[in-house]
Amino acid sequence: MDQEHIAGAAGDGRGAGRRRFLAIATGAATVAGLGAVSGCAGGDADAEMQGGDRPGGSAAPSGDASASRPQGFDVKAENARPGNADWPVSKAGPARAIEGFADKVSVLPGESFGLYVSTTAPRFTVSAYRMGWYGGARARLVWRSEALPGARQPEHTVDAGTRMVRTRWARTTTVETKDWPEGCYLLRLDAQGGEGQRFVPVTVRSAATAGRTVVVNAVATWQAYNRWGGYGSYDGPSGGYASRSLSVTFDRPYEYDDGAGLFLVYEAPLIALAERLGIPLAYATTTDAAREKRLLEGAAAVLSLGHDEYWSPEQRAHLTAARDAGTNLAILGANCCFRRIRLEASELGPDRTVVCYKSSYDQDPAFKRGHPATVDFRSAPGADPESSLLGVIYDGYPVDAPYVVTNPGHWLFEGTGVKAGDRFEHLVGVEYDKVNTGFPTPRPIEILAHSPVVCDGRPSHQDTAYYTTAGGAGVFATGTMRWVEALDATGDGRDGRNHGLDARSGALTTRVTENLLRVFAAGPAGRTHPAQDNVKAVYGDS
């Protein structure tokens, strides 16, 4: 398929369909049944927009590895502590019973942050759960507040120009993180009398990442899909693309998953697995990766989790530099590094506004002043397709297709028992990537799975791929958004949970991910596991 066709297929016209995409992807009942979805058919992107309906381990390598030997936080010791299985929201209550947000996306251990809460209850408590493995409990209660006075905060407003939702709430309390270990946290707000519960996510980030595998929370993407207040980066109250927000802010609660955003579906299962393995881990967010040029220096690996679509140029430059220096990179979803954004300050602090004008980039005042256009990375002006970093490129949605193994002898499939042609139902979806050498594609690159899909009537393929660089880095991309979700798949899939993914898919993705994490944690994977290019064997003419 030519580049113009793909560009049209992945264009901006995804309005209400993009909301339905989130329902398809996560099973969120609140956004189900919102009309037709497109996105795989080619054609003129602007015309589509008018429709508004498109939504086994190895030894550590020799050389400089000892210089980046991990120190500090002990994941094994932390997960040996007793967990608290009562962390989930069990009584969400009415829509506005209680909700809140933090004024910092991440903090260093010991730093404080402000918490902004609105509730109809007279009092409430805050419980901070560190998310991990903990013997299967998946969380540990690290801190709980005393009962705090509750109040209903003022109604939000909407900026006329950008349609950005603003809250301008008063700070409710300040939370100290003394003795909180590094990691990913969900704060649970509990309204007095059981009126309601909601989450507020916060990351206690790592000051250094040398020798460690870095878990990166995709907070910019969480915020783009957040429709709290009626507006997100895809549409507004009318459901149309033209009413979308051109900027969105972290100064508001998350609407989805009881305030957890996209964390529970696309990130928590992977974090649980990584912490169960006990490999040295570090923690950051996409805003940290963008802000701190040296954050990833010496990191063994960086993990992009299940849905990591919105990147700033700074984040991309810093991850590319890390790869070029020998840091491994794992893309555990699809549609990664697709939207180019700009981070701006809000009234509460720096990097709290995600700007993405998409096809309206020429209306952006900052673009007129010389800033990069906030369009898709592959689009003009300044086209820079994501495949140059990822190896794969986004090809479309929605699909629901079997995952088909192509290269069963690859080291990533060690211990799985798979054979060529083995199929894993529903594992390809709802968005997918492929190797397409019509775009910049690092070589050598190996295709591990080559799964036929039909997306909106257009035949194509999904690819899982692995490439290595001259600097020694290994880069792995699953090519499907359901990979992290599948880590939790059990049973025969007939109950419809996890999109029908079954225990076979759960076992496959778990073992492959274990193999990946162990090898990537040991240092530059390209030195010990160099890629063997097979694109011509798979595609025939590349």
Protein backbone atom coordinates (compact mmCIF):
# COMPACT_ATOMS: atom_id res chain seq x y z
CA MET A 1 0.00 0.00 0.00
CA ASP A 2 1.37 3.46 -0.88
CA GLN A 3 2.14 6.18 1.64
CA GLU A 4 -0.77 8.39 0.60
CA HIS A 5 -3.17 5.52 1.19
CA ILE A 6 -1.81 4.90 4.65
CA ALA A 7 -1.80 8.59 5.49
CA GLY A 8 -5.45 8.73 4.56
CA ALA A 9 -6.20 5.59 6.50
CA ALA A 10 -4.72 7.03 9.65
CA GLY A 11 -6.05 10.54 9.20
CA ASP A 12 -7.69 12.81 11.73
CA GLY A 13 -11.37 12.28 10.99
CA ARG A 14 -12.04 10.06 13.96
CA GLY A 15 -14.45 12.09 16.15
CA ALA A 16 -17.17 9.99 17.71
CA GLY A 17 -15.65 6.91 16.17
CA ARG A 18 -12.50 7.54 18.17
CA ARG A 19 -14.65 7.56 21.28
CA ARG A 20 -16.11 4.28 20.14
CA PHE A 21 -12.57 3.08 19.52
CA LEU A 22 -11.88 3.56 23.22
CA ALA A 23 -15.01 1.58 24.05
CA ILE A 24 -13.91 -1.20 21.71
CA ALA A 25 -10.42 -1.16 23.14
CA THR A 26 -11.28 -1.06 26.84
CA GLY A 27 -14.87 -2.23 27.04
CA ALA A 28 -15.90 1.03 28.70
CA ALA A 29 -19.68 0.95 28.78
CA THR A 30 -19.93 4.72 29.08
CA VAL A 31 -18.79 5.25 25.52
CA ALA A 32 -20.26 2.24 23.76
CA GLY A 33 -22.54 2.32 20.75
CA LEU A 34 -21.62 5.72 19.36
CA GLY A 35 -22.05 5.02 15.68
CA ALA A 36 -20.06 3.80 12.73
CA VAL A 37 -16.30 3.49 12.89
CA SER A 38 -13.95 4.00 9.98
CA GLY A 39 -10.24 4.43 9.71
CA CYS A 40 -8.83 1.69 7.49
CA ALA A 41 -10.19 2.84 4.15
CA GLY A 42 -8.00 5.17 2.14
CA GLY A 43 -9.08 8.48 0.73
CA ASP A 44 -8.94 12.16 1.49
CA ALA A 45 -8.35 12.83 5.17
CA ASP A 46 -10.26 16.10 5.17
CA ALA A 47 -13.26 14.38 3.62
CA GLU A 48 -13.12 11.77 6.35
CA MET A 49 -12.96 14.51 8.97
CA GLN A 50 -16.14 16.04 7.71
CA GLY A 51 -17.83 12.73 8.46
CA GLY A 52 -16.63 12.92 12.06
CA ASP A 53 -16.78 9.14 12.57
CA ARG A 54 -13.11 7.98 12.61
CA PRO A 55 -11.78 7.61 15.77
CA GLY A 56 15.16 -16.96 27.80
CA GLY A 57 17.54 -14.55 29.39
CA SER A 58 21.18 -13.94 28.53
CA ALA A 59 24.32 -12.87 30.29
CA ALA A 60 25.00 -9.18 30.63
CA PRO A 61 27.15 -7.92 27.76
CA SER A 62 30.74 -6.96 28.30
CA GLY A 63 32.01 -3.43 27.88
CA ASP A 64 30.50 -0.52 29.74
CA ALA A 65 27.62 -2.41 31.36
CA SER A 66 29.24 -2.25 34.80
CA ALA A 67 29.22 1.53 34.63
CA SER A 68 25.43 1.47 34.50
CA ARG A 69 24.88 -1.27 37.07
CA PRO A 70 21.53 -0.58 38.76
CA GLN A 71 21.51 0.86 42.25
CA GLY A 72 18.86 2.11 44.64
CA PHE A 73 15.28 0.90 44.59
CA ASP A 74 14.87 -2.85 45.22
CA VAL A 75 11.85 -4.15 43.31
CA LYS A 76 12.13 -7.65 44.78
CA ALA A 77 12.17 -6.39 48.35
CA GLU A 78 9.24 -4.08 47.72
CA ASN A 79 7.10 -6.83 46.23
CA ALA A 80 7.93 -9.19 49.08
CA ARG A 81 5.89 -6.89 51.34
CA PRO A 82 2.25 -7.79 51.96
CA GLY A 83 -0.18 -6.48 49.37
CA ASN A 84 -3.69 -5.07 49.73
CA ALA A 85 -6.19 -6.69 47.39
CA ASP A 86 -8.93 -4.25 48.44
CA TRP A 87 -7.50 -1.44 46.28
CA PRO A 88 -10.09 -1.44 43.42
CA VAL A 89 -13.02 0.92 43.30
CA SER A 90 -15.99 -1.15 44.41
CA LYS A 91 -18.57 1.61 44.98
CA ALA A 92 -18.14 4.26 42.32
CA GLY A 93 -21.37 6.01 43.24
CA PRO A 94 -22.98 8.79 41.18
CA ALA A 95 -21.03 10.61 38.49
CA ARG A 96 -19.93 13.56 40.63
CA ALA A 97 -20.02 12.01 44.09
CA ILE A 98 -16.27 12.42 44.41
CA GLU A 99 -13.46 13.10 41.93
CA GLY A 100 -10.12 14.81 41.86
CA PHE A 101 -6.71 15.37 40.34
CA ALA A 102 -3.14 16.06 41.42
CA ASP A 103 -1.26 19.21 40.44
CA LYS A 104 1.82 17.18 39.49
CA VAL A 105 1.83 14.24 37.11
CA SER A 106 4.91 12.89 38.85
CA VAL A 107 7.07 13.68 41.86
CA LEU A 108 10.43 12.52 43.13
CA PRO A 109 10.34 10.44 46.34
CA GLY A 110 9.75 12.76 49.27
CA GLU A 111 8.30 15.62 47.22
CA SER A 112 4.78 16.86 47.87
CA PHE A 113 1.90 17.57 45.52
CA GLY A 114 -1.43 19.30 45.75
CA LEU A 115 -4.68 17.34 45.59
CA TYR A 116 -7.82 18.95 44.23
CA VAL A 117 -11.04 17.17 45.19
CA SER A 118 -14.71 17.87 44.57
CA THR A 119 -17.30 15.84 46.47
CA THR A 120 -20.88 15.96 47.63
CA ALA A 121 -19.89 14.21 50.85
CA PRO A 122 -19.04 16.14 54.03
CA ARG A 123 -15.80 14.21 54.52
CA PHE A 124 -13.53 11.84 52.61
CA THR A 125 -10.26 9.94 52.87
CA VAL A 126 -7.32 9.43 50.50
CA SER A 127 -5.54 6.07 50.24
CA ALA A 128 -2.30 5.80 48.26
CA TYR A 129 -1.77 2.40 46.63
CA ARG A 130 1.51 1.55 44.98
CA MET A 131 0.72 -0.66 41.98
CA GLY A 132 2.86 -3.76 41.41
CA TRP A 133 2.71 -7.52 41.91
CA TYR A 134 2.63 -8.19 45.67
CA GLY A 135 1.90 -11.89 45.38
CA GLY A 136 -1.00 -11.23 43.05
CA ALA A 137 -2.69 -8.54 45.14
CA ARG A 138 -1.41 -6.00 42.56
CA ALA A 139 -1.12 -3.12 45.06
CA ARG A 140 0.17 -2.12 48.47
CA LEU A 141 -1.36 0.52 50.71
CA VAL A 142 1.47 2.96 51.38
CA TRP A 143 -0.42 5.81 53.08
CA ARG A 144 -3.91 6.79 54.17
CA SER A 145 -5.11 10.22 55.22
CA GLU A 146 -7.30 11.15 58.11
CA ALA A 147 -10.85 12.17 57.25
CA LEU A 148 -10.71 15.45 55.33
CA PRO A 149 -13.49 18.02 54.90
CA GLY A 150 -15.29 17.68 51.59
CA ALA A 151 -16.72 20.41 49.38
CA ARG A 152 -18.23 20.72 45.94
CA GLN A 153 -15.86 22.65 43.68
CA PRO A 154 -17.05 25.21 41.09
CA GLU A 155 -18.27 24.11 37.67
CA HIS A 156 -15.68 23.93 34.92
CA THR A 157 -15.40 26.41 32.09
CA VAL A 158 -14.45 25.91 28.44
CA ASP A 159 -12.04 28.18 26.56
CA ALA A 160 -13.70 29.73 23.54
CA GLY A 161 -10.69 29.41 21.24
CA THR A 162 -9.24 25.99 22.06
CA ARG A 163 -12.29 24.41 23.73
CA MET A 164 -10.03 23.36 26.59
CA VAL A 165 -11.83 22.44 29.81
CA ARG A 166 -10.64 24.44 32.85
CA THR A 167 -11.50 23.72 36.46
CA ARG A 168 -9.91 26.50 38.57
CA TRP A 169 -10.57 24.48 41.69
CA ALA A 170 -9.14 25.33 45.11
CA ARG A 171 -6.44 23.05 46.47
CA THR A 172 -8.01 20.63 48.95
CA THR A 173 -4.89 19.30 50.65
CA THR A 174 -1.17 18.78 50.22
CA VAL A 175 0.12 15.21 50.11
CA GLU A 176 3.62 14.42 51.32
CA THR A 177 5.39 11.41 49.80
CA LYS A 178 7.95 10.80 52.53
CA ASP A 179 8.84 7.10 52.57
CA TRP A 180 6.85 6.39 49.39
CA PRO A 181 8.89 4.05 47.15
CA GLU A 182 9.34 4.84 43.49
CA GLY A 183 6.53 3.47 41.35
CA CYS A 184 3.08 3.95 39.85
CA TYR A 185 0.36 4.97 42.28
CA LEU A 186 -3.40 5.15 42.33
CA LEU A 187 -4.82 7.39 45.04
CA ARG A 188 -8.31 6.23 45.96
CA LEU A 189 -10.73 8.89 47.13
CA ASP A 190 -13.43 7.47 49.42
CA ALA A 191 -16.43 9.65 50.15
CA GLN A 192 -17.80 9.37 53.67
CA GLY A 193 -20.72 6.99 54.03
CA GLY A 194 -19.94 5.08 50.83
CA GLU A 195 -21.32 7.76 48.52
CA GLY A 196 -18.58 7.15 45.98
CA GLN A 197 -14.97 6.29 45.15
CA ARG A 198 -12.58 7.51 42.46
CA PHE A 199 -8.90 7.18 41.54
CA VAL A 200 -6.24 9.82 41.01
CA PRO A 201 -3.05 8.51 39.32
CA VAL A 202 0.39 9.81 40.34
CA THR A 203 3.88 8.54 39.53
CA VAL A 204 6.70 8.65 42.04
CA ARG A 205 9.44 8.88 39.47
CA SER A 206 13.05 7.78 39.52
CA ALA A 207 15.79 10.39 39.68
CA ALA A 208 18.12 8.15 37.67
CA THR A 209 17.60 5.18 35.40
CA ALA A 210 21.12 3.81 34.74
CA GLY A 211 21.10 0.04 34.46
CA ARG A 212 17.36 -0.18 34.91
CA THR A 213 14.32 -0.87 32.76
CA VAL A 214 12.22 2.28 32.64
CA VAL A 215 8.43 2.01 32.82
CA VAL A 216 6.99 5.10 31.12
CA ASN A 217 3.38 6.02 31.91
CA ALA A 218 1.76 7.38 28.73
CA VAL A 219 0.07 10.28 30.48
CA ALA A 220 -0.22 12.54 27.43
CA THR A 221 -2.28 9.85 25.69
CA TRP A 222 -4.41 9.34 28.81
CA GLN A 223 -5.20 13.03 28.74
CA ALA A 224 -5.95 13.18 25.01
CA TYR A 225 -8.66 10.54 25.46
CA ASN A 226 -10.00 12.15 28.61
CA ARG A 227 -13.47 13.65 28.02
CA TRP A 228 -14.07 14.96 31.52
CA GLY A 229 -16.11 18.11 31.13
CA GLY A 230 -17.42 16.94 27.76
CA TYR A 231 -14.34 17.62 25.63
CA GLY A 232 -11.27 15.64 24.59
CA SER A 233 -8.82 15.63 21.73
CA TYR A 234 -11.26 13.81 19.44
CA ASP A 235 -14.62 15.44 19.95
CA GLY A 236 -16.83 17.59 22.12
CA PRO A 237 -20.41 17.33 23.38
CA SER A 238 -21.79 17.23 19.83
CA GLY A 239 -19.75 14.13 19.08
CA GLY A 240 -18.16 15.79 16.05
CA TYR A 241 -14.50 16.20 15.21
CA ALA A 242 -14.91 19.94 14.68
CA SER A 243 -15.90 20.41 18.33
CA ARG A 244 -12.78 18.69 19.74
CA SER A 245 -10.37 20.36 22.12
CA LEU A 246 -7.24 21.74 20.51
CA SER A 247 -5.58 21.69 23.91
CA VAL A 248 -6.34 19.52 26.94
CA THR A 249 -5.13 19.94 30.49
CA PHE A 250 -4.07 17.75 33.39
CA ASP A 251 -5.94 20.21 35.65
CA ARG A 252 -9.04 18.00 35.69
CA PRO A 253 -10.03 14.48 36.74
CA TYR A 254 -9.92 11.52 34.36
CA GLU A 255 -13.30 10.34 33.17
CA TYR A 256 -12.47 6.73 32.27
CA ASP A 257 -12.05 3.76 34.60
CA ASP A 258 -13.21 5.57 37.72
CA GLY A 259 -10.53 8.22 37.36
CA ALA A 260 -7.63 5.91 36.47
CA GLY A 261 -7.54 7.04 32.84
CA LEU A 262 -6.02 4.39 30.55
CA PHE A 263 -3.70 3.00 33.25
CA LEU A 264 -5.59 -0.12 34.33
CA VAL A 265 -6.13 -1.64 30.88
CA TYR A 266 -2.94 -0.62 29.08
CA GLU A 267 -0.29 -0.44 31.79
CA ALA A 268 -1.07 -2.16 35.11
CA PRO A 269 -0.80 -5.76 33.80
CA LEU A 270 2.67 -5.12 32.40
CA ILE A 271 3.83 -3.41 35.58
CA ALA A 272 2.63 -6.39 37.61
CA LEU A 273 4.57 -8.78 35.38
CA ALA A 274 7.76 -6.72 35.41
CA GLU A 275 7.67 -6.37 39.18
CA ARG A 276 6.98 -10.10 39.59
CA LEU A 277 10.15 -10.84 37.60
CA GLY A 278 12.15 -8.64 39.96
CA ILE A 279 14.23 -6.98 37.25
CA PRO A 280 15.67 -3.56 38.19
CA LEU A 281 12.99 -0.99 37.33
CA ALA A 282 12.74 2.77 37.12
CA TYR A 283 9.58 4.86 36.69
CA ALA A 284 8.76 7.95 34.67
CA THR A 285 6.03 9.54 32.60
CA THR A 286 6.03 10.80 29.04
CA THR A 287 6.23 14.36 30.34
CA ASP A 288 9.35 13.47 32.36
CA ALA A 289 10.94 11.85 29.30
CA ALA A 290 10.24 15.03 27.34
CA ARG A 291 11.46 17.46 29.98
CA GLU A 292 14.65 15.76 31.20
CA LYS A 293 17.24 15.34 28.45
CA ARG A 294 19.51 13.10 30.53
CA LEU A 295 16.85 11.04 32.28
CA LEU A 296 17.39 7.91 30.18
CA GLU A 297 21.20 7.98 30.18
CA GLY A 298 22.52 4.49 30.83
CA ALA A 299 19.07 2.89 31.04
CA ALA A 300 19.02 -0.78 30.12
CA ALA A 301 15.63 -0.51 28.43
CA VAL A 302 12.63 1.76 28.03
CA LEU A 303 9.08 0.38 27.96
CA SER A 304 6.35 2.12 26.00
CA LEU A 305 3.15 0.53 27.25
CA GLY A 306 -0.17 -0.45 25.68
CA HIS A 307 -1.35 2.86 24.20
CA ASP A 308 1.27 5.56 23.84
CA GLU A 309 0.07 7.65 20.91
CA TYR A 310 0.87 11.29 21.82
CA TRP A 311 4.55 12.29 21.90
CA SER A 312 6.34 15.61 21.95
CA PRO A 313 9.35 16.09 19.65
CA GLU A 314 11.51 16.33 22.78
CA GLN A 315 10.34 12.95 24.05
CA ARG A 316 11.01 11.37 20.68
CA ALA A 317 14.47 12.93 20.45
CA HIS A 318 15.41 11.72 23.93
CA LEU A 319 14.22 8.15 23.30
CA THR A 320 15.98 8.10 19.94
CA ALA A 321 19.21 9.25 21.58
CA ALA A 322 18.84 6.55 24.22
CA ARG A 323 18.34 3.90 21.54
CA ASP A 324 21.37 5.15 19.64
CA ALA A 325 23.43 4.87 22.83
CA GLY A 326 22.46 1.20 23.25
CA THR A 327 19.30 1.40 25.38
CA ASN A 328 16.74 -1.21 24.35
CA LEU A 329 13.23 -0.07 23.47
CA ALA A 330 10.02 -2.10 23.77
CA ILE A 331 6.77 -0.94 22.18
CA LEU A 332 4.12 -3.02 23.90
CA GLY A 333 1.12 -1.62 22.05
CA ALA A 334 0.30 -0.13 18.68
CA ASN A 335 -0.31 3.34 17.22
CA CYS A 336 2.71 4.53 19.21
CA CYS A 337 4.45 7.90 18.63
CA PHE A 338 1.72 8.88 16.18
CA ARG A 339 0.62 12.38 17.23
CA ARG A 340 3.12 15.20 17.58
CA ILE A 341 2.19 17.37 20.56
CA ARG A 342 3.50 20.40 22.41
CA LEU A 343 3.57 20.61 26.19
CA GLU A 344 2.71 23.97 27.72
CA ALA A 345 2.17 25.26 31.22
CA SER A 346 -1.20 25.54 32.90
CA GLU A 347 -2.13 27.77 35.81
CA LEU A 348 -0.89 25.01 38.13
CA GLY A 349 2.53 24.40 36.65
CA PRO A 350 4.72 23.47 33.67
CA ASP A 351 3.93 20.74 31.14
CA ARG A 352 0.30 20.44 32.19
CA THR A 353 -1.29 21.30 28.85
CA VAL A 354 -1.20 18.94 25.86
CA VAL A 355 -1.54 20.89 22.60
CA CYS A 356 -2.49 18.97 19.45
CA TYR A 357 -4.24 20.92 16.70
CA LYS A 358 -3.98 18.02 14.22
CA SER A 359 -5.35 19.07 10.80
CA SER A 360 -5.97 22.60 12.12
CA TYR A 361 -2.28 23.16 12.86
CA ASP A 362 -2.19 26.33 10.76
CA GLN A 363 -4.55 27.94 13.31
CA ASP A 364 -2.10 27.34 16.14
CA PRO A 365 -0.53 30.65 17.29
CA ALA A 366 2.66 28.85 18.32
CA PHE A 367 3.00 27.28 14.87
CA LYS A 368 2.76 30.75 13.38
CA ARG A 369 5.65 31.73 15.67
CA GLY A 370 7.81 28.89 14.36
CA HIS A 371 7.03 25.94 16.62
CA PRO A 372 6.61 22.50 15.02
CA ALA A 373 3.14 21.70 13.72
CA THR A 374 1.13 19.54 16.11
CA VAL A 375 0.05 17.08 13.43
CA ASP A 376 0.74 13.38 12.97
CA PHE A 377 4.47 12.72 12.87
CA ARG A 378 4.19 11.24 9.38
CA SER A 379 2.32 14.28 8.01
CA ALA A 380 3.56 17.53 6.50
CA PRO A 381 4.84 19.98 7.49
CA GLY A 382 7.94 18.40 8.98
CA ALA A 383 6.96 14.79 8.22
CA ASP A 384 8.97 12.31 10.30
CA PRO A 385 7.24 8.90 10.24
CA GLU A 386 7.33 7.00 13.51
CA SER A 387 8.72 3.88 11.81
CA SER A 388 12.27 5.30 11.88
CA LEU A 389 12.23 4.72 15.64
CA LEU A 390 9.72 1.90 16.08
CA GLY A 391 10.48 -0.27 13.06
CA VAL A 392 6.74 -0.64 12.46
CA ILE A 393 4.14 1.90 11.41
CA TYR A 394 0.49 2.35 12.33
CA ASP A 395 -1.79 0.91 9.66
CA GLY A 396 -5.36 1.40 10.90
CA TYR A 397 -8.31 0.35 13.00
CA PRO A 398 -10.64 -1.23 13.93
CA VAL A 399 -9.68 -4.85 13.59
CA ASP A 400 -10.29 -8.01 15.58
CA ALA A 401 -8.17 -10.79 14.15
CA PRO A 402 -6.09 -13.82 15.12
CA TYR A 403 -2.40 -13.37 15.84
CA VAL A 404 -0.43 -15.67 13.52
CA VAL A 405 3.08 -16.85 14.39
CA THR A 406 5.53 -16.64 11.49
CA ASN A 407 8.96 -17.13 13.08
CA PRO A 408 8.53 -19.70 15.87
CA GLY A 409 12.27 -20.31 16.30
CA HIS A 410 12.92 -16.74 17.39
CA TRP A 411 14.40 -16.37 20.87
CA LEU A 412 11.38 -14.37 22.00
CA PHE A 413 9.17 -17.44 21.46
CA GLU A 414 11.46 -19.67 23.55
CA GLY A 415 9.40 -21.78 25.94
CA THR A 416 6.08 -21.06 24.25
CA GLY A 417 5.94 -24.23 22.17
CA VAL A 418 4.48 -22.35 19.22
CA LYS A 419 4.69 -23.58 15.63
CA ALA A 420 4.55 -21.66 12.37
CA GLY A 421 0.96 -20.77 11.57
CA ASP A 422 -0.32 -21.05 15.16
CA ARG A 423 -3.23 -18.68 15.70
CA PHE A 424 -4.30 -16.80 18.83
CA GLU A 425 -7.84 -15.49 18.44
CA HIS A 426 -8.61 -11.80 19.03
CA LEU A 427 -5.03 -10.90 19.93
CA VAL A 428 -4.75 -8.45 17.00
CA GLY A 429 -6.86 -5.40 17.76
CA VAL A 430 -8.20 -2.81 17.98
CA GLU A 431 -5.39 -0.86 16.32
CA TYR A 432 -2.41 -2.51 14.65
CA ASP A 433 1.00 -1.78 13.15
CA LYS A 434 3.01 -3.38 10.36
CA VAL A 435 6.42 -3.30 8.73
CA ASN A 436 6.15 -1.10 5.64
CA THR A 437 9.43 -0.32 3.89
CA GLY A 438 7.70 2.45 1.95
CA PHE A 439 8.43 4.41 5.12
CA PRO A 440 11.85 4.74 6.82
CA THR A 441 12.50 1.30 8.32
CA PRO A 442 15.61 0.36 10.33
CA ARG A 443 17.35 -2.79 9.15
CA PRO A 444 18.00 -5.57 9.94
CA ILE A 445 14.47 -6.21 11.13
CA GLU A 446 12.82 -9.54 11.89
CA ILE A 447 9.11 -10.22 11.61
CA LEU A 448 7.95 -12.67 14.28
CA ALA A 449 4.23 -12.69 13.56
CA HIS A 450 2.53 -11.73 10.29
CA SER A 451 -1.21 -11.74 10.81
CA PRO A 452 -3.72 -11.20 8.00
CA VAL A 453 -6.34 -8.55 8.79
CA VAL A 454 -9.21 -6.97 6.92
CA CYS A 455 -9.69 -3.42 8.09
CA ASP A 456 -12.83 -1.71 6.85
CA GLY A 457 -12.76 -3.91 3.75
CA ARG A 458 -9.05 -3.40 3.07
CA PRO A 459 -6.79 -6.49 3.32
CA SER A 460 -3.54 -5.92 5.18
CA HIS A 461 -1.26 -7.51 7.77
CA GLN A 462 -0.24 -6.91 11.36
CA ASP A 463 3.41 -7.47 12.20
CA THR A 464 5.29 -8.11 15.42
CA ALA A 465 8.89 -7.08 14.74
CA TYR A 466 12.35 -6.85 16.28
CA TYR A 467 15.33 -4.89 14.97
CA THR A 468 18.80 -4.14 16.23
CA THR A 469 21.12 -1.16 15.81
CA ALA A 470 24.82 -0.58 15.27
CA GLY A 471 24.98 0.76 18.81
CA GLY A 472 23.70 -2.55 20.19
CA ALA A 473 20.11 -1.66 21.05
CA GLY A 474 17.26 -4.05 20.45
CA VAL A 475 13.85 -2.62 19.54
CA PHE A 476 10.72 -4.75 19.82
CA ALA A 477 7.21 -3.82 18.75
CA THR A 478 4.16 -6.00 19.37
CA GLY A 479 2.10 -4.39 16.57
CA THR A 480 -1.16 -4.79 18.48
CA MET A 481 -2.85 -2.78 21.21
CA ARG A 482 -4.13 -5.88 23.00
CA TRP A 483 -0.75 -7.21 24.09
CA VAL A 484 -0.70 -5.76 27.62
CA GLU A 485 -4.38 -6.50 28.15
CA ALA A 486 -3.77 -10.12 27.07
CA LEU A 487 -1.31 -10.61 29.93
CA ASP A 488 -4.34 -10.95 32.21
CA ALA A 489 -6.39 -13.20 29.90
CA THR A 490 -7.65 -16.43 31.47
CA GLY A 491 -10.26 -19.07 30.72
CA ASP A 492 -11.62 -19.94 27.30
CA GLY A 493 -12.62 -16.41 26.31
CA ARG A 494 -16.29 -17.28 25.98
CA ASP A 495 -17.39 -14.90 28.71
CA GLY A 496 -16.45 -11.98 26.44
CA ARG A 497 -14.04 -10.38 28.89
CA ASN A 498 -10.77 -9.02 27.51
CA HIS A 499 -12.32 -9.07 24.02
CA GLY A 500 -12.55 -12.84 24.09
CA LEU A 501 -8.83 -13.32 24.70
CA ASP A 502 -8.23 -16.70 26.29
CA ALA A 503 -5.64 -18.40 28.48
CA ARG A 504 -3.59 -19.44 25.41
CA SER A 505 -3.13 -15.80 24.51
CA GLY A 506 -2.39 -14.97 28.12
CA ALA A 507 0.28 -17.66 28.31
CA LEU A 508 1.85 -16.65 24.98
CA THR A 509 2.09 -12.93 25.72
CA THR A 510 3.28 -13.57 29.26
CA ARG A 511 6.14 -15.87 28.21
CA VAL A 512 7.23 -13.68 25.29
CA THR A 513 7.18 -10.61 27.54
CA GLU A 514 9.19 -12.44 30.21
CA ASN A 515 11.79 -13.42 27.61
CA LEU A 516 11.88 -9.86 26.34
CA LEU A 517 12.21 -8.18 29.72
CA ARG A 518 14.96 -10.51 30.96
CA VAL A 519 17.09 -10.07 27.84
CA PHE A 520 16.47 -6.32 27.61
CA ALA A 521 17.31 -5.86 31.30
CA ALA A 522 20.72 -7.46 30.72
CA GLY A 523 21.95 -4.69 28.42
CA PRO A 524 22.14 -3.95 24.69
CA ALA A 525 20.22 -6.87 23.19
CA GLY A 526 21.66 -6.37 19.73
CA ARG A 527 25.03 -7.59 20.96
CA THR A 528 23.70 -10.90 22.21
CA HIS A 529 20.60 -11.31 20.04
CA PRO A 530 21.22 -9.58 16.70
CA ALA A 531 18.24 -9.39 14.35
CA GLN A 532 18.22 -11.56 11.21
CA ASP A 533 16.39 -9.64 8.50
CA ASN A 534 13.49 -11.60 7.01
CA VAL A 535 11.36 -8.89 5.39
CA LYS A 536 11.90 -10.25 1.89
CA ALA A 537 11.01 -13.76 3.01
CA VAL A 538 7.76 -12.51 4.56
CA TYR A 539 6.72 -9.82 2.08
CA GLY A 540 8.51 -11.11 -0.99
CA ASP A 541 9.85 -7.93 -2.54
CA SER A 542 11.27 -5.58 0.12
